[in-house]
Amino acid sequence: MALLEISHLHTFFKTKKGIVKAVNDVSYQVEEGQTLGVVGESGSGKSVSAMSILKLLDSNGYIDSGKITFNGRDIVHCSMNDMYSIRGNEISVIFQEPMTSLNPVFTIEKQIQEVFQVHQNLYPHASDHHRVWCHHTLHEKESGGISGGGEGKRAKGRHCSRGRQRAACPRV
């Protein structure tokens, strides 16, 4: 069984001028450990299909039909509470622009701790042991040549520190 399977996905948006068919009959599957690159022209639906997987569509967007299965779970019919527990623990997104991923008002440490607190129910005393691993990971990433400048390295390091076994990580 595929880790992620998209079958005949149709994602639409209601606008004042009618319905916009942003994703129209997209199908693919990703096996555990496999990487899939989605390539297309600007406006072809790459980001909308990724946001459909996470159910992070704008209020006027909706999945009209199709099936999204992650690890045997039907994502299309998951409640928002279920999606809240799935997002960040099992599936996440790495946004292409890291300056929108990190909040400059808070330290990176605070933002990393928040991930553990929200998604793993670990509070500062319990998440402290992750700080050392995260620092080590960021140091390795910086010396290992991750592209994207300092902010990109920190954003990707923040993502890596979440400790998930599985993740679909489209670059949006």
Protein backbone atom coordinates (compact mmCIF):
# COMPACT_ATOMS: atom_id res chain seq x y z
CA MET A 1 0.00 0.00 0.00
CA ALA A 2 1.27 3.50 -0.88
CA LEU A 3 2.05 5.93 1.93
CA LEU A 4 0.23 8.69 0.03
CA GLU A 5 -2.25 8.11 -2.75
CA ILE A 6 -4.08 10.83 -4.66
CA SER A 7 -6.81 9.52 -6.93
CA HIS A 8 -8.80 11.68 -9.37
CA LEU A 9 -8.48 14.79 -7.19
CA HIS A 10 -10.62 17.78 -8.18
CA THR A 11 -10.12 20.95 -6.11
CA PHE A 12 -12.21 24.00 -6.98
CA PHE A 13 -12.62 27.58 -5.80
CA LYS A 14 -15.84 29.60 -5.74
CA THR A 15 -15.30 33.12 -7.09
CA LYS A 16 -17.56 36.00 -8.07
CA LYS A 17 -17.09 35.00 -11.70
CA GLY A 18 -17.89 31.33 -11.13
CA ILE A 19 -16.02 28.14 -10.29
CA VAL A 20 -12.26 27.91 -10.87
CA LYS A 21 -11.06 24.34 -11.40
CA ALA A 22 -7.58 24.64 -9.91
CA VAL A 23 -6.86 20.89 -9.73
CA ASN A 24 -8.67 18.74 -12.27
CA ASP A 25 -8.31 14.94 -12.16
CA VAL A 26 -4.84 14.57 -10.60
CA SER A 27 -3.66 11.11 -9.56
CA TYR A 28 -0.36 9.83 -8.19
CA GLN A 29 1.03 7.73 -5.37
CA VAL A 30 4.12 7.90 -3.21
CA GLU A 31 5.60 4.86 -1.48
CA GLU A 32 7.30 5.22 1.91
CA GLY A 33 10.88 6.41 1.39
CA GLN A 34 10.12 7.60 -2.13
CA THR A 35 10.42 11.21 -3.29
CA LEU A 36 8.06 12.76 -5.81
CA GLY A 37 8.69 16.05 -7.57
CA VAL A 38 5.64 17.83 -9.00
CA VAL A 39 6.57 20.08 -11.91
CA GLY A 40 4.33 22.42 -13.84
CA GLU A 41 3.77 25.90 -15.11
CA SER A 42 2.80 28.73 -12.80
CA GLY A 43 -0.89 28.38 -11.96
CA SER A 44 -1.06 24.70 -12.92
CA GLY A 45 -2.25 23.58 -9.47
CA LYS A 46 0.94 22.32 -7.82
CA SER A 47 0.47 24.34 -4.63
CA VAL A 48 -3.30 23.78 -4.52
CA SER A 49 -2.84 20.01 -4.76
CA ALA A 50 -0.33 20.16 -1.87
CA MET A 51 -2.67 22.33 0.19
CA SER A 52 -5.53 19.92 -0.59
CA ILE A 53 -3.55 17.08 0.99
CA LEU A 54 -3.23 19.13 4.18
CA LYS A 55 -6.77 20.56 3.91
CA LEU A 56 -5.34 24.07 4.12
CA LEU A 57 -7.43 25.60 1.35
CA ASP A 58 -8.80 29.14 1.51
CA SER A 59 -12.40 29.41 2.70
CA ASN A 60 -13.68 29.52 -0.88
CA GLY A 61 -11.73 26.39 -1.85
CA TYR A 62 -13.00 22.85 -1.59
CA ILE A 63 -12.25 19.30 -2.71
CA ASP A 64 -15.07 18.60 -5.14
CA SER A 65 -14.23 14.94 -5.67
CA GLY A 66 -11.43 12.43 -5.55
CA LYS A 67 -9.60 10.53 -2.89
CA ILE A 68 -6.57 11.36 -0.75
CA THR A 69 -5.29 8.45 1.31
CA PHE A 70 -2.37 8.87 3.70
CA ASN A 71 -1.06 5.82 5.55
CA GLY A 72 -4.39 4.06 4.97
CA ARG A 73 -6.43 7.04 6.24
CA ASP A 74 -9.02 8.87 4.10
CA ILE A 75 -7.87 12.49 4.38
CA VAL A 76 -10.77 13.99 2.39
CA HIS A 77 -13.29 12.93 5.02
CA CYS A 78 -11.13 13.58 8.10
CA SER A 79 -12.50 16.09 10.57
CA MET A 80 -10.55 19.28 11.23
CA ASN A 81 -9.63 17.90 14.69
CA ASP A 82 -8.17 14.81 13.01
CA MET A 83 -6.29 17.00 10.53
CA TYR A 84 -4.92 19.10 13.38
CA SER A 85 -3.32 15.99 14.88
CA ILE A 86 -2.06 14.79 11.47
CA ARG A 87 -0.53 18.14 10.41
CA GLY A 88 2.90 18.65 11.89
CA ASN A 89 3.06 15.11 13.29
CA GLU A 90 2.78 13.02 10.13
CA ILE A 91 2.46 15.45 7.22
CA SER A 92 3.94 18.90 6.87
CA VAL A 93 4.83 21.47 4.26
CA ILE A 94 8.06 23.37 3.73
CA PHE A 95 7.17 26.75 2.30
CA GLN A 96 9.47 28.04 -0.41
CA GLU A 97 9.85 31.47 1.20
CA PRO A 98 11.40 30.88 4.64
CA MET A 99 10.82 34.47 5.74
CA THR A 100 7.10 33.66 5.88
CA SER A 101 7.74 30.44 7.81
CA LEU A 102 9.63 31.98 10.72
CA ASN A 103 8.30 34.76 12.91
CA PRO A 104 11.12 37.27 13.59
CA VAL A 105 9.43 38.36 16.84
CA PHE A 106 10.15 34.97 18.47
CA THR A 107 13.43 33.10 18.79
CA ILE A 108 13.93 30.04 16.62
CA GLU A 109 14.23 28.02 19.85
CA LYS A 110 10.79 29.19 20.97
CA GLN A 111 9.27 28.30 17.58
CA ILE A 112 10.83 24.83 17.66
CA GLN A 113 9.61 24.24 21.22
CA GLU A 114 6.11 25.26 20.12
CA VAL A 115 6.11 22.43 17.58
CA PHE A 116 6.83 19.88 20.29
CA GLN A 117 4.32 21.46 22.67
CA VAL A 118 1.46 21.60 20.17
CA HIS A 119 2.01 18.35 18.29
CA GLN A 120 3.69 16.10 20.84
CA ASN A 121 2.23 17.50 24.09
CA LEU A 122 5.76 18.13 25.36
CA TYR A 123 6.23 21.21 27.49
CA PRO A 124 9.44 23.20 28.01
CA HIS A 125 10.98 20.84 30.54
CA ALA A 126 10.18 17.80 28.37
CA SER A 127 11.17 19.43 25.09
CA ASP A 128 14.56 20.66 26.39
CA HIS A 129 16.32 17.46 25.30
CA HIS A 130 15.25 18.21 21.70
CA ARG A 131 17.14 21.52 21.85
CA VAL A 132 20.55 19.84 21.75
CA TRP A 133 19.59 17.57 18.85
CA CYS A 134 18.11 20.50 16.95
CA HIS A 135 21.22 22.63 17.49
CA HIS A 136 23.35 19.74 16.24
CA THR A 137 21.07 19.30 13.21
CA LEU A 138 21.19 23.00 12.34
CA HIS A 139 24.98 23.01 12.67
CA GLU A 140 25.25 19.98 10.39
CA LYS A 141 22.86 21.51 7.86
CA GLU A 142 24.79 24.78 7.79
CA SER A 143 28.08 23.01 7.20
CA GLY A 144 26.47 20.52 4.81
CA GLY A 145 25.44 23.09 2.26
CA ILE A 146 21.65 23.37 2.34
CA SER A 147 20.65 26.03 -0.16
CA GLY A 148 18.42 28.96 0.68
CA GLY A 149 20.61 31.18 2.86
CA GLY A 150 20.50 31.42 6.64
CA GLU A 151 16.72 31.65 6.88
CA GLY A 152 16.28 28.65 4.57
CA LYS A 153 18.68 26.59 6.65
CA ARG A 154 16.85 27.50 9.84
CA ALA A 155 13.41 26.80 8.34
CA LYS A 156 14.53 23.43 7.00
CA GLY A 157 16.29 22.64 10.27
CA ARG A 158 13.10 23.51 12.12
CA HIS A 159 11.20 21.09 9.91
CA CYS A 160 13.80 18.34 10.36
CA SER A 161 13.67 18.65 14.14
CA ARG A 162 10.06 17.51 14.37
CA GLY A 163 11.07 13.86 14.61
CA ARG A 164 8.46 12.44 12.26
CA GLN A 165 8.95 9.05 10.69
CA ARG A 166 6.89 10.01 7.64
CA ALA A 167 6.27 13.33 5.99
CA ALA A 168 4.97 14.60 2.68
CA CYS A 169 6.92 17.80 2.21
CA PRO A 170 5.95 19.73 -0.88
CA ARG A 171 7.90 22.91 -1.39
CA VAL A 172 5.17 25.48 -1.89
